[in-house]
Protein backbone atom coordinates (compact mmCIF):
# COMPACT_ATOMS: atom_id res chain seq x y z
CA THR A 1 122.52 -7.69 116.66
CA ILE A 2 125.38 -7.90 119.20
CA ILE A 3 124.76 -10.16 122.02
CA LYS A 4 128.03 -9.95 124.22
CA GLY A 5 129.45 -6.45 123.48
CA SER A 6 132.88 -7.27 125.25
CA ASP A 7 133.50 -9.98 122.39
CA HIS A 8 133.58 -6.89 119.91
CA PHE A 9 134.73 -4.42 121.67
CA PHE A 10 137.96 -3.45 123.63
CA ASN A 11 136.46 -2.70 127.14
CA VAL A 12 138.10 -0.80 130.28
CA LEU A 13 136.42 -0.87 133.82
CA TYR A 14 136.82 1.96 135.60
CA GLU A 15 135.74 2.17 139.58
CA GLY A 16 135.48 4.91 141.85
CA ASN A 17 134.67 8.72 141.24
CA GLY A 18 137.02 8.98 138.42
CA GLY A 19 138.99 11.49 140.18
CA GLY A 20 142.28 9.40 139.59
CA GLN A 21 141.29 8.42 136.19
CA ARG A 22 142.50 9.84 132.64
CA VAL A 23 141.08 8.40 129.17
CA GLY A 24 143.54 9.07 126.62
CA LYS A 25 147.39 10.38 126.51
CA PHE A 26 147.72 12.64 129.26
CA VAL A 27 151.08 14.45 129.65
CA PRO A 28 151.25 16.71 132.78
CA PHE A 29 153.88 19.35 132.59
CA THR A 30 155.34 21.83 135.21
CA ASP A 31 157.62 23.86 132.79
CA ASN A 32 155.28 26.61 131.90
CA GLY A 33 155.51 29.86 132.60
CA THR A 34 153.04 33.09 133.78
CA ILE A 35 153.23 36.39 131.92
CA ALA A 36 151.93 38.72 134.69
CA LYS A 37 152.16 41.99 132.66
CA SER A 38 152.21 43.41 129.07
CA CYS A 39 152.54 47.02 127.48
CA ILE A 40 149.56 48.67 125.63
CA PHE A 41 150.85 50.20 122.47
CA ASP A 42 148.22 53.05 121.44
CA SER A 43 148.73 54.36 117.77
CA ALA A 44 147.00 57.39 118.50
CA SER A 45 149.46 58.41 121.55
CA ASN A 46 152.56 57.64 119.22
CA VAL A 47 154.44 55.55 122.06
CA SER A 48 157.31 53.01 121.64
CA LEU A 49 160.16 51.48 123.32
CA THR A 50 163.33 52.62 122.07
CA ARG A 51 167.29 51.64 122.31
CA THR A 52 169.95 52.91 120.22
CA PRO A 53 173.21 50.17 120.71
CA GLY A 54 176.35 51.92 121.88
CA SER A 55 178.72 49.76 119.93
CA ALA A 56 177.29 47.41 117.12
CA GLY A 57 176.48 43.48 117.78
CA ASN A 58 176.07 40.84 115.40
CA ARG A 59 173.97 42.33 112.13
CA LYS A 60 173.95 38.77 110.54
CA THR A 61 172.73 36.19 113.10
CA PHE A 62 169.95 37.03 115.59
CA THR A 63 166.61 35.88 116.92
CA ILE A 64 163.53 37.92 117.94
CA SER A 65 160.58 36.59 120.27
CA PHE A 66 157.44 38.01 121.34
CA TRP A 67 153.79 37.55 122.46
CA VAL A 68 151.29 39.94 120.63
CA LYS A 69 147.74 40.64 121.16
CA ARG A 70 146.25 42.79 118.60
CA CYS A 71 143.56 45.58 119.55
CA ARG A 72 142.81 47.01 115.78
CA LEU A 73 142.86 45.17 112.63
CA GLY A 74 144.27 46.68 109.45
CA ASP A 75 145.70 50.19 109.51
CA GLN A 76 146.42 51.96 112.59
CA ALA A 77 143.57 54.85 113.57
CA GLY A 78 143.72 57.83 111.27
CA SER A 79 144.59 57.89 107.69
CA ASN A 80 147.63 56.00 107.35
CA THR A 81 147.47 52.83 105.10
CA TYR A 82 150.59 50.73 105.84
CA GLY A 83 150.02 48.65 108.38
CA GLN A 84 151.21 48.58 112.19
CA ARG A 85 154.79 48.20 113.03
CA ILE A 86 155.74 46.06 115.67
CA PHE A 87 159.56 46.41 115.52
CA PHE A 88 161.84 49.01 113.36
CA ALA A 89 165.43 49.24 113.55
CA GLY A 90 167.08 51.73 111.13
CA PRO A 91 167.65 55.58 110.78
CA SER A 92 165.28 56.08 108.13
CA GLY A 93 162.28 54.99 105.67
CA SER A 94 165.26 54.29 103.26
CA GLN A 95 167.50 52.01 105.29
CA PHE A 96 165.94 49.62 107.61
CA PHE A 97 164.79 46.18 109.20
CA ASP A 98 161.03 46.12 110.55
CA VAL A 99 158.42 43.60 111.28
CA LYS A 100 154.92 44.58 111.04
CA PHE A 101 151.22 43.60 110.10
CA ALA A 102 150.55 44.66 106.78
CA GLY A 103 148.06 47.51 106.10
CA SER A 104 145.61 48.05 103.13
CA GLY A 105 148.33 50.04 101.19
CA ASP A 106 150.74 47.28 101.04
CA THR A 107 151.09 45.17 98.02
CA GLY A 108 150.62 41.90 100.64
CA GLU A 109 147.36 40.72 102.18
CA THR A 110 146.17 42.98 104.68
CA ASN A 111 146.71 41.49 108.45
CA SER A 112 149.46 39.30 107.09
CA LEU A 113 152.79 39.39 108.72
CA HIS A 114 155.62 41.56 106.64
CA ILE A 115 159.24 41.24 107.36
CA ARG A 116 161.62 43.24 105.34
CA ALA A 117 165.07 44.73 105.16
CA TYR A 118 165.78 47.44 102.94
CA THR A 119 168.86 49.19 101.89
CA ALA A 120 170.70 50.48 98.84
CA SER A 121 167.32 51.59 97.23
CA ALA A 122 166.03 48.03 97.19
CA GLU A 123 164.48 45.66 99.25
CA GLN A 124 166.96 42.72 100.31
CA ILE A 125 164.41 40.82 102.68
CA ARG A 126 160.77 40.82 101.82
CA TYR A 127 158.20 38.10 103.15
CA TYR A 128 154.74 38.47 103.22
CA THR A 129 152.92 35.45 105.08
CA ASN A 130 149.91 33.90 103.40
CA ARG A 131 148.44 33.69 106.90
CA THR A 132 146.85 36.66 108.57
CA PHE A 133 146.41 37.52 111.76
CA GLU A 134 142.84 38.80 112.46
CA ASP A 135 142.14 37.20 116.13
CA THR A 136 141.76 40.02 118.75
CA SER A 137 140.77 37.54 121.48
CA LYS A 138 144.36 35.68 121.95
CA PHE A 139 147.94 36.28 122.09
CA TYR A 140 150.13 34.99 119.35
CA HIS A 141 153.65 34.12 119.62
CA ILE A 142 156.12 35.11 116.84
CA LEU A 143 159.64 34.19 116.70
CA ILE A 144 161.92 35.39 113.69
CA GLN A 145 165.09 33.81 113.18
CA VAL A 146 167.77 35.46 111.34
CA ASP A 147 171.08 34.17 110.07
CA THR A 148 172.36 35.49 106.77
CA THR A 149 175.66 33.42 107.02
CA GLN A 150 173.66 30.37 105.95
CA SER A 151 174.68 28.85 102.72
CA SER A 152 171.52 27.86 101.61
CA ALA A 153 169.17 30.76 100.87
CA SER A 154 165.80 29.33 102.57
CA ASP A 155 167.79 28.91 105.77
CA ARG A 156 168.53 32.45 106.51
CA VAL A 157 165.17 33.89 107.43
CA LYS A 158 162.64 31.70 109.12
CA ILE A 159 159.38 32.51 111.06
CA TYR A 160 157.45 30.74 113.30
CA VAL A 161 154.33 31.16 115.22
CA ASP A 162 152.87 29.32 117.79
CA GLY A 163 155.77 26.87 117.65
CA ASP A 164 155.01 26.08 113.88
CA GLN A 165 157.04 27.30 110.99
CA ILE A 166 155.55 29.17 108.37
CA THR A 167 156.30 28.14 104.90
CA SER A 168 153.69 29.53 102.77
CA PHE A 169 154.21 33.04 101.47
CA GLN A 170 152.69 35.58 99.08
CA THR A 171 155.84 37.05 98.82
CA GLU A 172 159.32 35.87 99.57
CA THR A 173 162.59 37.69 98.83
CA GLN A 174 165.71 36.12 100.71
CA PRO A 175 168.61 37.80 101.60
CA SER A 176 171.94 37.30 99.89
CA GLN A 177 174.86 35.56 101.83
CA ASP A 178 176.23 37.50 104.86
CA TYR A 179 174.31 40.59 104.12
CA ASP A 180 174.21 42.96 107.18
CA THR A 181 170.95 44.36 108.30
CA GLN A 182 170.42 47.25 110.41
CA VAL A 183 169.58 45.25 113.25
CA ASN A 184 172.34 45.66 115.91
CA ALA A 185 173.87 48.75 113.95
CA THR A 186 174.55 51.79 116.16
CA GLU A 187 171.17 53.05 115.05
CA VAL A 188 167.71 53.66 116.64
CA HIS A 189 165.74 50.59 117.30
CA ASN A 190 161.81 50.94 118.06
CA ILE A 191 159.44 48.85 119.37
CA GLY A 192 155.68 49.73 118.75
CA ARG A 193 156.55 52.31 116.01
CA PHE A 194 158.14 53.69 113.02
CA THR A 195 161.65 55.71 113.57
CA GLY A 196 160.84 59.53 112.97
CA ALA A 197 157.47 59.49 111.85
CA THR A 198 153.90 59.04 113.65
CA SER A 199 152.82 56.57 111.36
CA ASN A 200 152.39 53.08 111.13
CA ASN A 201 152.07 52.86 114.87
CA LEU A 202 151.12 49.56 116.75
CA ASP A 203 147.58 49.02 118.58
CA ALA A 204 148.24 45.59 120.49
CA TYR A 205 149.42 44.43 123.29
CA LEU A 206 153.25 42.97 123.52
CA ALA A 207 154.49 40.93 126.38
CA GLU A 208 158.13 38.91 126.92
CA PHE A 209 159.83 40.57 123.88
CA ASN A 210 163.10 39.05 123.51
CA PHE A 211 166.18 39.87 121.42
CA VAL A 212 168.90 37.60 121.34
CA ASP A 213 172.15 39.01 119.42
CA GLY A 214 174.51 36.30 117.55
CA SER A 215 172.40 33.01 118.30
CA ILE A 216 169.63 31.52 116.79
CA VAL A 217 166.98 30.19 119.48
CA ALA A 218 164.28 27.60 118.92
CA PRO A 219 160.80 28.44 119.18
CA SER A 220 160.50 25.55 122.32
CA THR A 221 163.03 27.89 124.19
CA PHE A 222 159.96 30.80 124.82
CA GLY A 223 156.96 28.07 124.55
CA VAL A 224 155.38 24.58 124.95
CA THR A 225 152.24 22.98 123.69
CA ASP A 226 149.96 22.44 126.79
CA THR A 227 148.93 18.75 126.45
CA SER A 228 145.37 19.31 127.82
CA THR A 229 144.38 21.78 125.46
CA GLY A 230 146.66 21.82 122.49
CA ARG A 231 147.58 25.45 122.84
CA TRP A 232 150.92 27.00 122.54
CA ILE A 233 151.65 28.56 126.08
CA PRO A 234 154.84 30.65 127.33
CA LYS A 235 157.24 28.71 129.33
CA SER A 236 159.69 29.78 131.97
CA LEU A 237 162.75 31.35 129.91
CA ILE A 238 166.21 29.65 131.17
CA GLY A 239 169.59 29.13 129.39
CA ILE A 240 169.30 32.36 126.73
CA THR A 241 172.70 33.91 126.04
CA TYR A 242 171.53 37.63 124.59
CA GLY A 243 174.82 38.28 123.82
């Protein structure tokens, strides 16, 4: 029987209405941003954002960052079974770099993140995450760093989701050193669909899509952990040199 609790437990006495007191570690911050709007991509409408660079940029080193909220899991509406494209750079299906959510016809798990580059009749980069993306109620932050100049093959492609690096893959094909992707080539770049086709389109919201030419940018540039909820949220974008 414990007769006097203060002899056995550490006690803190708070007086008042509690408005000025917090229990536990609380680190307030103000460096957070609000994304007021997003683009909705409807696969049936075959819509995309498109740009063809007038001159080539850095095809070896770049960073892609975006927030995505899925509207449909698995394949796009219709009969196509090869998932949903988020980003596609290249003239055709024989020469490209793309980022997509895998579909039922892919060799990787449906709804996993699939990143690959294809040239010379072979896949030069190929990643299927073990993690799948099946929560349609939230925005995921996805960041992809590519730097094929790195001497260590494992450093040439890095993928982060909500600030955490993904290290577990179903398939992991690392690019050769100094490999030139189709990103930043003078070829069409699409956000939301496949080049030259009406298949593999995206059904999702996209917000704050950032592309940085020639630099590797850390996840902390784009997001921060909300210390009151533990969730990864967007922050105000400053100090980015887009190239």
